[in-house]
Every structure is written in C-alpha cells, then in structure tokens.
N, C-alpha and C. Protein backbone atom coordinates (compact mmCIF):
# COMPACT_ATOMS: atom_id res chain seq x y z
N UNK A 1 0.93 -1.06 -0.05
CA UNK A 1 0.01 -0.02 0.27
C UNK A 1 1.15 1.28 0.10
N UNK A 2 0.58 2.47 -1.03
CA UNK A 2 1.10 3.45 -0.73
C UNK A 2 0.54 4.36 0.04
N UNK A 3 2.07 4.82 0.80
CA UNK A 3 1.40 5.87 2.12
C UNK A 3 1.85 7.29 1.22
N UNK A 4 0.11 7.83 2.09
CA UNK A 4 0.34 9.30 1.39
C UNK A 4 0.76 10.22 2.34
N UNK A 5 1.14 11.18 1.55
CA UNK A 5 3.00 12.19 2.10
C UNK A 5 1.62 13.34 2.46
N UNK A 6 0.91 13.30 3.57
CA UNK A 6 0.30 14.67 4.04
C UNK A 6 1.10 15.74 5.12
N UNK A 7 0.46 17.02 4.78
CA UNK A 7 0.78 17.89 5.65
C UNK A 7 -0.14 18.57 6.35
N UNK A 8 -0.13 18.60 7.48
CA UNK A 8 -1.31 18.75 8.85
C UNK A 8 -1.21 20.28 8.70
N UNK A 9 -2.63 20.98 8.87
CA UNK A 9 -3.08 22.53 8.99
C UNK A 9 -2.12 23.03 9.28
N UNK A 10 -0.84 23.09 10.51
CA UNK A 10 -0.19 24.14 11.14
C UNK A 10 1.20 24.27 10.12
N UNK A 11 1.19 22.92 9.04
CA UNK A 11 2.67 23.28 8.43
C UNK A 11 2.37 23.98 7.52
N UNK A 12 3.38 24.01 6.36
CA UNK A 12 3.79 24.87 5.62
C UNK A 12 3.80 23.85 4.05
N UNK A 13 2.53 24.28 3.36
CA UNK A 13 2.10 23.18 1.95
C UNK A 13 3.07 23.09 0.77
N UNK A 14 4.16 24.56 0.78
CA UNK A 14 4.84 24.93 -0.06
C UNK A 14 5.71 23.87 -0.02
N UNK A 15 6.18 22.97 0.98
CA UNK A 15 7.06 22.03 0.97
C UNK A 15 7.10 20.92 0.04
N UNK A 16 5.43 20.68 0.40
CA UNK A 16 5.03 19.45 -0.67
C UNK A 16 5.17 19.71 -2.17
N UNK A 17 4.93 21.54 -2.47
CA UNK A 17 5.26 21.47 -3.96
C UNK A 17 6.40 21.70 -3.88
N UNK A 18 7.53 21.85 -3.29
CA UNK A 18 8.97 22.22 -3.47
C UNK A 18 9.33 20.51 -4.10
N UNK A 19 8.87 19.55 -3.70
CA UNK A 19 8.81 18.44 -3.19
C UNK A 19 8.97 17.87 -4.64
N UNK A 20 7.80 18.18 -5.10
CA UNK A 20 7.17 17.96 -6.50
C UNK A 20 8.09 18.19 -7.30
N UNK A 21 8.35 19.58 -7.50
CA UNK A 21 9.16 20.77 -8.64
C UNK A 21 10.58 20.10 -8.43
N UNK A 22 10.93 19.27 -7.45
CA UNK A 22 12.59 18.46 -7.30
C UNK A 22 12.81 17.01 -8.28
N UNK A 23 11.33 16.38 -7.69
CA UNK A 23 10.87 15.09 -8.08
C UNK A 23 11.16 15.15 -9.64
N UNK A 24 10.14 16.59 -10.12
CA UNK A 24 9.89 16.49 -11.88
C UNK A 24 11.42 17.44 -12.07
N UNK A 25 11.95 17.53 -11.64
CA UNK A 25 13.33 18.10 -12.28
C UNK A 25 13.08 19.68 -12.71
N UNK A 26 12.26 20.30 -12.05
CA UNK A 26 11.99 21.70 -12.32
C UNK A 26 13.07 22.56 -12.10
N UNK A 27 13.51 23.60 -12.40
CA UNK A 27 14.35 24.82 -11.44
C UNK A 27 13.55 25.78 -10.93
N UNK A 28 13.45 25.61 -9.16
CA UNK A 28 12.91 26.20 -9.05
C UNK A 28 13.52 26.92 -7.91
N UNK A 29 12.89 27.80 -7.04
CA UNK A 29 13.81 28.73 -6.14
C UNK A 29 12.59 28.87 -4.91
N UNK A 30 13.16 29.05 -3.73
CA UNK A 30 11.38 29.47 -2.81
C UNK A 30 12.32 30.40 -2.21
N UNK A 31 11.24 32.11 -2.72
CA UNK A 31 11.86 33.45 -2.84
C UNK A 31 11.59 33.68 -1.40
N UNK A 32 10.48 32.90 -0.55
CA UNK A 32 10.72 32.81 1.01
C UNK A 32 9.94 31.82 1.33
N UNK A 33 10.05 31.65 2.79
CA UNK A 33 9.20 30.52 3.07
C UNK A 33 8.11 29.76 2.51
N UNK A 34 7.12 30.41 2.31
CA UNK A 34 5.82 30.55 1.91
C UNK A 34 5.38 30.63 0.24
N UNK A 35 6.61 30.86 -0.67
CA UNK A 35 6.50 30.94 -1.56
C UNK A 35 7.26 30.12 -2.82
N UNK A 36 7.29 29.50 -3.66
CA UNK A 36 8.43 28.56 -4.49
C UNK A 36 7.79 29.29 -5.80
N UNK A 37 8.62 29.81 -6.75
CA UNK A 37 8.48 29.60 -8.37
C UNK A 37 9.39 28.70 -8.68
N UNK A 38 8.93 28.07 -10.57
CA UNK A 38 9.80 26.75 -11.21
C UNK A 38 9.46 27.43 -12.22
N UNK A 39 10.26 26.71 -12.83
CA UNK A 39 10.41 26.78 -14.62
C UNK A 39 10.60 25.79 -15.39
N UNK A 40 9.33 25.48 -16.39
CA UNK A 40 9.78 24.10 -16.89
C UNK A 40 9.16 24.52 -18.02
N UNK A 41 9.49 23.34 -19.13
CA UNK A 41 9.60 23.34 -20.52
C UNK A 41 8.23 22.92 -20.89
N UNK A 42 6.74 23.74 -21.33
CA UNK A 42 5.30 22.95 -21.65
C UNK A 42 5.50 22.92 -22.98
N UNK A 43 4.33 22.21 -23.78
CA UNK A 43 4.56 21.48 -25.34
C UNK A 43 4.92 23.14 -25.99
N UNK A 44 4.96 24.02 -25.50
CA UNK A 44 4.28 25.17 -26.38
C UNK A 44 5.41 26.54 -26.17
N UNK A 45 6.62 26.06 -25.27
CA UNK A 45 7.39 27.10 -25.00
C UNK A 45 7.56 27.02 -23.42
N UNK A 46 8.12 28.26 -22.90
CA UNK A 46 8.57 28.15 -21.21
C UNK A 46 7.21 27.94 -20.35
N UNK A 47 7.31 27.63 -19.30
CA UNK A 47 6.03 27.48 -18.17
C UNK A 47 6.64 28.08 -17.26
N UNK A 48 5.90 29.19 -16.37
CA UNK A 48 6.53 29.35 -15.09
C UNK A 48 5.19 29.47 -14.05
N UNK A 49 5.39 28.51 -12.86
CA UNK A 49 4.16 27.97 -12.03
C UNK A 49 4.98 28.84 -10.63
N UNK A 50 4.30 29.42 -9.96
CA UNK A 50 4.26 30.11 -8.38
C UNK A 50 2.85 29.68 -8.13
N UNK A 51 3.71 29.47 -6.58
CA UNK A 51 2.48 28.92 -5.68
C UNK A 51 3.24 29.25 -4.15
N UNK A 52 2.29 30.09 -3.72
CA UNK A 52 1.92 30.94 -2.50
C UNK A 52 1.07 30.38 -1.11
N UNK A 53 1.63 30.42 -0.09
CA UNK A 53 0.67 30.20 1.24
C UNK A 53 0.51 31.06 1.51
N UNK A 54 -0.85 31.77 1.95
CA UNK A 54 -1.22 32.55 2.88
C UNK A 54 -1.81 31.71 4.41
N UNK A 55 -1.15 31.76 4.97
CA UNK A 55 -1.13 30.84 6.30
C UNK A 55 -2.46 32.05 7.05
N UNK A 56 -2.68 32.98 7.00
CA UNK A 56 -3.96 33.92 7.45
C UNK A 56 -5.36 32.86 7.42
N UNK A 57 -5.24 32.88 5.99
CA UNK A 57 -6.42 32.69 5.58
C UNK A 57 -6.19 31.29 4.88
N UNK A 58 -5.60 30.31 5.06
CA UNK A 58 -5.36 29.26 4.93
C UNK A 58 -5.56 28.58 3.39
N UNK A 59 -5.03 29.41 2.61
CA UNK A 59 -4.83 29.26 1.15
C UNK A 59 -3.57 28.99 0.31
N UNK A 60 -3.83 27.96 -0.48
CA UNK A 60 -2.47 28.20 -1.41
C UNK A 60 -2.91 28.81 -3.15
N UNK A 61 -2.37 29.33 -3.36
CA UNK A 61 -2.84 29.87 -4.42
C UNK A 61 -1.46 29.92 -5.87
N UNK A 62 -1.72 28.95 -6.55
CA UNK A 62 -1.30 28.40 -7.39
C UNK A 62 -1.57 28.44 -8.89
N UNK A 63 0.02 29.53 -9.50
CA UNK A 63 -0.23 30.45 -10.93
C UNK A 63 0.66 29.41 -11.97
N UNK A 64 0.01 28.90 -13.12
CA UNK A 64 1.18 28.94 -14.29
C UNK A 64 0.71 29.81 -15.57
N UNK A 65 2.05 30.10 -15.64
CA UNK A 65 1.45 30.96 -17.02
C UNK A 65 2.80 31.03 -17.75
N UNK A 66 2.76 30.87 -19.27
CA UNK A 66 3.54 30.89 -20.30
C UNK A 66 3.15 32.56 -21.51
N UNK A 67 4.06 32.70 -22.42
CA UNK A 67 3.68 34.33 -22.84
C UNK A 67 2.95 33.85 -24.16
N UNK A 68 1.92 34.69 -24.27
CA UNK A 68 0.94 34.79 -25.58
C UNK A 68 1.13 35.69 -26.00
N UNK A 69 1.59 35.94 -27.31
CA UNK A 69 1.26 37.18 -28.02
C UNK A 69 -0.03 37.35 -28.54
N UNK A 70 -0.31 38.77 -28.17
CA UNK A 70 -1.56 39.21 -29.11
C UNK A 70 -1.74 40.60 -29.88
N UNK A 71 -2.38 40.36 -30.74
CA UNK A 71 -2.29 40.64 -32.17
C UNK A 71 -3.26 42.16 -31.44
N UNK A 72 -2.81 43.23 -32.20
CA UNK A 72 -3.74 44.56 -31.72
C UNK A 72 -5.29 44.39 -31.72
N UNK A 73 -5.60 43.35 -32.94
CA UNK A 73 -6.80 43.30 -33.20
C UNK A 73 -7.07 42.11 -32.77
N UNK A 74 -6.70 41.66 -31.50
CA UNK A 74 -7.20 40.40 -31.07
C UNK A 74 -7.73 40.36 -29.51
N UNK A 75 -7.90 41.74 -29.09
CA UNK A 75 -8.49 41.65 -27.89
C UNK A 75 -10.02 41.05 -27.79
N UNK A 76 -10.72 41.15 -28.53
CA UNK A 76 -12.10 40.37 -28.99
C UNK A 76 -11.83 38.86 -28.90
N UNK A 77 -11.13 38.82 -29.59
CA UNK A 77 -10.94 37.04 -29.68
C UNK A 77 -10.33 36.32 -28.32
N UNK A 78 -9.41 37.63 -27.46
CA UNK A 78 -8.98 36.61 -26.62
C UNK A 78 -10.08 36.67 -25.46
N UNK A 79 -10.84 37.57 -25.09
CA UNK A 79 -11.74 37.83 -23.92
C UNK A 79 -12.73 36.58 -24.60
N UNK A 80 -13.20 36.25 -25.21
CA UNK A 80 -14.36 35.07 -26.10
C UNK A 80 -13.47 34.04 -25.90
N UNK A 81 -12.32 33.74 -26.02
CA UNK A 81 -11.24 32.38 -25.80
C UNK A 81 -11.35 32.26 -24.20
N UNK A 82 -11.28 33.28 -23.74
CA UNK A 82 -10.88 33.15 -22.02
C UNK A 82 -12.33 32.43 -21.68
N UNK A 83 -13.29 33.49 -21.89
CA UNK A 83 -14.81 32.89 -21.78
C UNK A 83 -14.92 31.14 -22.08
N UNK A 84 -14.90 30.88 -23.47
CA UNK A 84 -14.99 29.52 -23.58
C UNK A 84 -13.76 28.31 -23.21
N UNK A 85 -12.79 28.86 -22.60
CA UNK A 85 -12.31 28.15 -22.29
C UNK A 85 -12.41 27.78 -20.59
N UNK A 86 -12.63 28.83 -20.02
CA UNK A 86 -12.91 28.93 -18.35
C UNK A 86 -14.13 27.61 -18.63
N UNK A 87 -15.38 27.73 -19.60
CA UNK A 87 -16.54 27.11 -18.68
C UNK A 87 -16.14 25.79 -19.39
N UNK A 88 -15.20 25.39 -20.02
CA UNK A 88 -14.93 24.00 -19.84
C UNK A 88 -14.53 23.30 -18.71
N UNK A 89 -13.21 24.24 -18.13
CA UNK A 89 -12.20 23.88 -17.04
C UNK A 89 -13.28 23.16 -15.85
N UNK A 90 -12.85 21.65 -15.17
CA UNK A 90 -13.15 22.15 -14.13
C UNK A 90 -12.91 22.59 -12.52
N UNK A 91 -11.40 23.01 -12.77
CA UNK A 91 -10.80 23.23 -11.54
C UNK A 91 -9.99 24.70 -12.04
N UNK A 92 -10.02 25.86 -11.42
CA UNK A 92 -9.06 26.51 -11.53
C UNK A 92 -9.36 27.80 -13.14
N UNK A 93 -8.98 28.66 -13.34
CA UNK A 93 -9.21 29.43 -14.50
C UNK A 93 -8.20 29.86 -14.87
N UNK A 94 -8.38 30.58 -16.67
CA UNK A 94 -7.80 31.21 -17.37
C UNK A 94 -7.80 32.88 -17.12
N UNK A 95 -6.81 33.44 -17.06
CA UNK A 95 -6.85 34.97 -16.91
C UNK A 95 -5.54 35.11 -18.24
N UNK A 96 -5.69 36.41 -18.26
CA UNK A 96 -4.52 37.06 -19.12
C UNK A 96 -4.02 38.24 -18.72
N UNK A 97 -2.40 38.19 -18.06
CA UNK A 97 -1.57 39.40 -17.90
C UNK A 97 -0.90 40.14 -18.93
N UNK A 98 -2.00 41.02 -18.99
CA UNK A 98 -1.22 42.29 -20.04
C UNK A 98 -0.12 42.36 -19.84
N UNK A 99 0.36 42.89 -18.62
CA UNK A 99 1.87 43.24 -18.34
C UNK A 99 2.99 42.46 -18.78
N UNK A 100 2.35 41.31 -18.68
CA UNK A 100 3.63 40.31 -18.92
C UNK A 100 3.45 39.42 -20.06
N UNK A 101 2.05 39.96 -20.72
CA UNK A 101 1.81 39.16 -22.36
C UNK A 101 1.73 37.82 -22.14
N UNK A 102 1.21 37.44 -21.09
CA UNK A 102 0.85 35.72 -20.66
C UNK A 102 -0.45 35.33 -20.27
N UNK A 103 -0.68 33.92 -21.35
CA UNK A 103 -1.61 33.56 -20.72
C UNK A 103 -1.16 32.69 -19.02
N UNK A 104 -2.60 32.83 -18.24
CA UNK A 104 -1.69 32.18 -16.92
C UNK A 104 -3.17 31.40 -16.75
N UNK A 105 -2.97 30.32 -16.26
CA UNK A 105 -4.02 29.37 -15.49
C UNK A 105 -3.78 29.68 -13.40
N UNK A 106 -4.66 29.89 -13.16
CA UNK A 106 -5.03 29.78 -11.67
C UNK A 106 -5.75 29.14 -10.76
N UNK A 107 -5.60 28.81 -9.81
CA UNK A 107 -6.25 28.12 -9.05
C UNK A 107 -6.07 28.12 -7.21
N UNK A 108 -7.15 28.22 -6.50
CA UNK A 108 -6.75 28.49 -4.86
C UNK A 108 -7.30 27.34 -4.42
N UNK A 109 -6.55 26.70 -3.21
CA UNK A 109 -6.70 25.61 -2.67
C UNK A 109 -6.65 26.31 -1.61
N UNK A 110 -8.29 25.71 -1.25
CA UNK A 110 -8.62 26.25 0.57
C UNK A 110 -7.86 25.28 1.41
N UNK A 111 -7.45 25.03 2.51
CA UNK A 111 -7.15 24.64 3.40
C UNK A 111 -7.50 24.46 4.81
N UNK A 112 -8.24 25.22 5.28
CA UNK A 112 -9.00 25.47 6.63
C UNK A 112 -9.49 24.43 6.95
N UNK A 113 -8.92 23.70 8.19
CA UNK A 113 -9.38 22.17 8.63
C UNK A 113 -9.31 21.00 7.72
N UNK A 114 -8.41 21.25 6.97
CA UNK A 114 -8.12 20.10 6.07
C UNK A 114 -6.28 19.93 6.11
N UNK A 115 -5.95 18.73 5.57
CA UNK A 115 -5.27 18.57 5.39
C UNK A 115 -4.51 18.85 4.03
N UNK A 116 -3.17 19.18 3.43
CA UNK A 116 -2.85 19.02 2.23
C UNK A 116 -1.97 17.37 1.78
N UNK A 117 -2.12 17.29 0.52
CA UNK A 117 -1.31 16.14 0.82
C UNK A 117 -0.40 16.54 -0.84
N UNK A 118 0.12 15.67 -1.15
CA UNK A 118 1.44 15.81 -2.02
C UNK A 118 0.51 15.06 -3.38
N UNK A 119 -0.16 14.50 -3.40
CA UNK A 119 -1.26 14.04 -4.17
C UNK A 119 -2.24 15.02 -4.60
N UNK A 120 -3.03 15.97 -3.94
CA UNK A 120 -3.37 16.79 -4.01
C UNK A 120 -2.68 18.10 -5.23
N UNK A 121 -1.28 18.33 -4.64
CA UNK A 121 -0.78 19.35 -5.54
C UNK A 121 0.02 18.51 -6.53
N UNK A 122 0.04 17.72 -6.53
CA UNK A 122 0.52 17.50 -8.02
C UNK A 122 -0.88 17.30 -9.13
N UNK A 123 -2.58 17.14 -8.57
CA UNK A 123 -3.67 17.59 -9.24
C UNK A 123 -3.88 18.44 -9.47
N UNK A 124 -3.48 19.71 -9.00
CA UNK A 124 -3.71 21.27 -9.06
C UNK A 124 -2.60 21.55 -10.21
N UNK A 125 -1.40 20.99 -10.26
CA UNK A 125 0.13 21.33 -10.96
C UNK A 125 -0.41 21.02 -12.49
N UNK A 126 -0.66 19.69 -12.24
CA UNK A 126 -0.74 19.19 -13.50
C UNK A 126 -2.49 19.68 -14.30
N UNK A 127 -3.19 20.27 -13.97
CA UNK A 127 -4.26 20.80 -14.10
C UNK A 127 -3.53 22.22 -15.00
N UNK A 128 -2.69 22.81 -14.22
CA UNK A 128 -2.62 24.21 -14.77
C UNK A 128 -1.62 24.04 -15.57
N UNK A 129 -0.28 23.06 -15.50
CA UNK A 129 0.51 23.16 -16.75
C UNK A 129 -0.03 21.77 -17.89
N UNK A 130 -1.01 21.05 -17.43
CA UNK A 130 -1.56 20.85 -18.58
C UNK A 130 -2.45 21.39 -19.26
N UNK A 131 -3.45 22.46 -18.36
CA UNK A 131 -4.28 23.35 -18.95
C UNK A 131 -3.99 24.01 -20.13
N UNK A 132 -2.64 24.67 -19.78
CA UNK A 132 -2.05 25.13 -20.41
C UNK A 132 -1.66 24.60 -21.82
N UNK A 133 -0.84 23.43 -21.99
CA UNK A 133 -0.52 22.73 -23.04
C UNK A 133 -1.64 22.68 -23.62
N UNK A 134 -3.15 22.15 -23.01
CA UNK A 134 -3.98 21.69 -24.00
C UNK A 134 -4.70 23.14 -24.90
N UNK A 135 -5.00 24.13 -24.17
CA UNK A 135 -5.52 25.19 -25.04
C UNK A 135 -4.61 26.21 -25.75
N UNK A 136 -3.48 25.96 -25.31
CA UNK A 136 -2.54 27.15 -26.15
C UNK A 136 -2.69 27.08 -27.39
N UNK A 137 -2.35 26.13 -28.14
CA UNK A 137 -2.91 25.77 -29.91
C UNK A 137 -4.32 26.76 -29.89
N UNK A 138 -5.67 26.64 -29.34
CA UNK A 138 -6.80 26.93 -29.44
C UNK A 138 -6.50 28.54 -29.28
N UNK A 139 -5.89 29.11 -28.04
CA UNK A 139 -5.79 31.16 -28.14
C UNK A 139 -5.04 30.90 -29.52
N UNK A 140 -3.91 30.52 -30.21
CA UNK A 140 -3.38 30.61 -31.29
C UNK A 140 -4.06 30.73 -32.54
N UNK A 141 -4.93 29.76 -32.30
CA UNK A 141 -5.95 29.50 -33.95
C UNK A 141 -6.55 30.57 -33.84
N UNK A 142 -7.71 30.75 -32.52
CA UNK A 142 -8.31 32.20 -32.58
C UNK A 142 -7.78 33.48 -32.74
N UNK A 143 -6.58 33.51 -32.05
CA UNK A 143 -5.75 34.81 -32.33
C UNK A 143 -4.93 35.12 -33.47
N UNK A 144 -4.34 34.43 -34.21
CA UNK A 144 -3.35 34.57 -35.17
C UNK A 144 -3.61 33.58 -36.74
N UNK A 145 -4.85 32.97 -36.67
CA UNK A 145 -5.51 31.86 -37.56
C UNK A 145 -6.54 32.30 -37.72
N UNK A 146 -7.23 33.44 -37.22
CA UNK A 146 -8.67 33.69 -37.46
C UNK A 146 -9.96 32.82 -37.03
N UNK A 147 -9.34 31.42 -36.76
CA UNK A 147 -10.70 30.22 -36.01
C UNK A 147 -11.29 31.21 -35.20
N UNK A 148 -12.65 30.41 -35.02
CA UNK A 148 -13.76 31.54 -34.44
C UNK A 148 -13.06 30.68 -32.71
N UNK A 149 -13.41 31.51 -31.67
CA UNK A 149 -13.07 31.33 -30.60
C UNK A 149 -14.00 30.03 -30.47
N UNK A 150 -15.37 29.22 -30.66
CA UNK A 150 -15.83 28.25 -29.68
C UNK A 150 -15.25 27.07 -30.92
N UNK A 151 -14.79 27.45 -32.25
CA UNK A 151 -14.30 26.27 -32.86
C UNK A 151 -12.95 25.68 -32.50
N UNK A 152 -12.14 26.81 -32.25
CA UNK A 152 -10.70 26.74 -31.22
C UNK A 152 -10.36 25.65 -30.31
N UNK A 153 -11.78 26.33 -29.20
CA UNK A 153 -11.96 25.63 -27.83
C UNK A 153 -12.62 24.23 -27.87
N UNK A 154 -12.96 23.66 -28.86
CA UNK A 154 -13.74 22.35 -29.17
C UNK A 154 -12.48 21.67 -29.38
N UNK A 155 -11.94 22.31 -30.60
CA UNK A 155 -10.61 21.36 -31.35
C UNK A 155 -9.51 21.03 -30.25
N UNK A 156 -9.38 21.84 -29.24
CA UNK A 156 -8.61 21.67 -28.13
C UNK A 156 -9.07 20.29 -27.30
N UNK A 157 -10.30 20.03 -27.60
CA UNK A 157 -11.34 19.46 -26.73
C UNK A 157 -10.83 17.63 -27.11
N UNK A 158 -10.33 17.96 -28.33
CA UNK A 158 -10.26 16.25 -29.15
C UNK A 158 -9.11 16.10 -28.70
N UNK A 159 -8.64 14.80 -28.36
CA UNK A 159 -7.73 13.95 -27.59
C UNK A 159 -7.07 12.58 -28.37
N UNK A 160 -6.42 12.96 -29.34
CA UNK A 160 -5.99 11.93 -30.61
C UNK A 160 -5.29 10.92 -29.56
N UNK A 161 -5.95 9.61 -30.44
CA UNK A 161 -5.18 8.09 -30.06
C UNK A 161 -4.30 8.00 -30.49
N UNK A 162 -2.97 7.71 -29.83
CA UNK A 162 -1.81 6.71 -31.24
C UNK A 162 -0.95 7.65 -31.39
N UNK A 163 0.00 7.30 -32.46
CA UNK A 163 0.97 8.53 -32.95
C UNK A 163 0.96 8.30 -34.49
N UNK A 164 0.86 8.95 -35.19
CA UNK A 164 1.14 9.64 -36.86
C UNK A 164 2.47 9.31 -37.17
C-alpha cells in the first residue's frame, strides 16, 4: 500500500510543492518560506509556475503562465477564448496578464480544517500545466489563425489516440 504524504494544518504546504518540483527536475527557487517559483518546458514554450501559501487564510494559490502574443486586433477574440475555455475547466481558470503578455492558469486551494497532500498538489499542478499545454494552440488559432473562438476551443478538446 502506498503511503500518502500529507502535511497537516499548521505546517507549510509549499514544502510539498517543492518536493514535486524537485522530483520533476523543474528549476525552482524558494523566494521566501511561503512562496516557490519554478520554470519548466511546456509543450509550447517556457512555463512559469508559482505557489504561495497564505497562512492567515489557509489558502495556497497556484498560478502557471506562458507567453502569449496577442495581435492588436485580437482583444475581442482573447476575451471570447477566455470565456469558452473557462466554461470547460473543472478546476481553476484562465486569465490574461497584459503586463507580462502571458496566458495564466490560476487555482486556489483552501486548506482551512483540512490537510494538504502531495497528491492534491500534483493534481492542481497537472491541471495548471496541462491546461496551458492543451489550450495554448486554441488561443493561437483564434488570435492568429482567425478561427472562431468556439471552434478553436472545441478543437482543443479533441484527444487523439496513438501516434501518426
């Protein structure tokens, strides 16, 4: 039987995120005891991940981001893409950071009265990095390829089997 690696209420759950980053060979840094940032190679480019523990509110915020150039006339398509993509997600949400020019996936993990586990953070980190990998081409098709956002998101939901 596999032992679950849990971190009880008064501890620092960022230690679990650091362990995941170490095992996955991500380049990471602990900016302070409650924050970790990591860099990894996503399917479409460099991806940054940040996790921050807010002890007072017992919430861990996780964000993953990758650069997404947006053409000057692409603001409407970007907003529409965010709406369609967020409607499909089962956890977290996409947003666009204009200052950084980055597509971001964000999720908050409330831990008040609960224990954090490595499995919990693996699932959230997988949703964050996997969500960027899955939806990035759809954003590109809508912003640069002129594909209607609804069709671009529908195409992102197709999961091919096997290899060509």
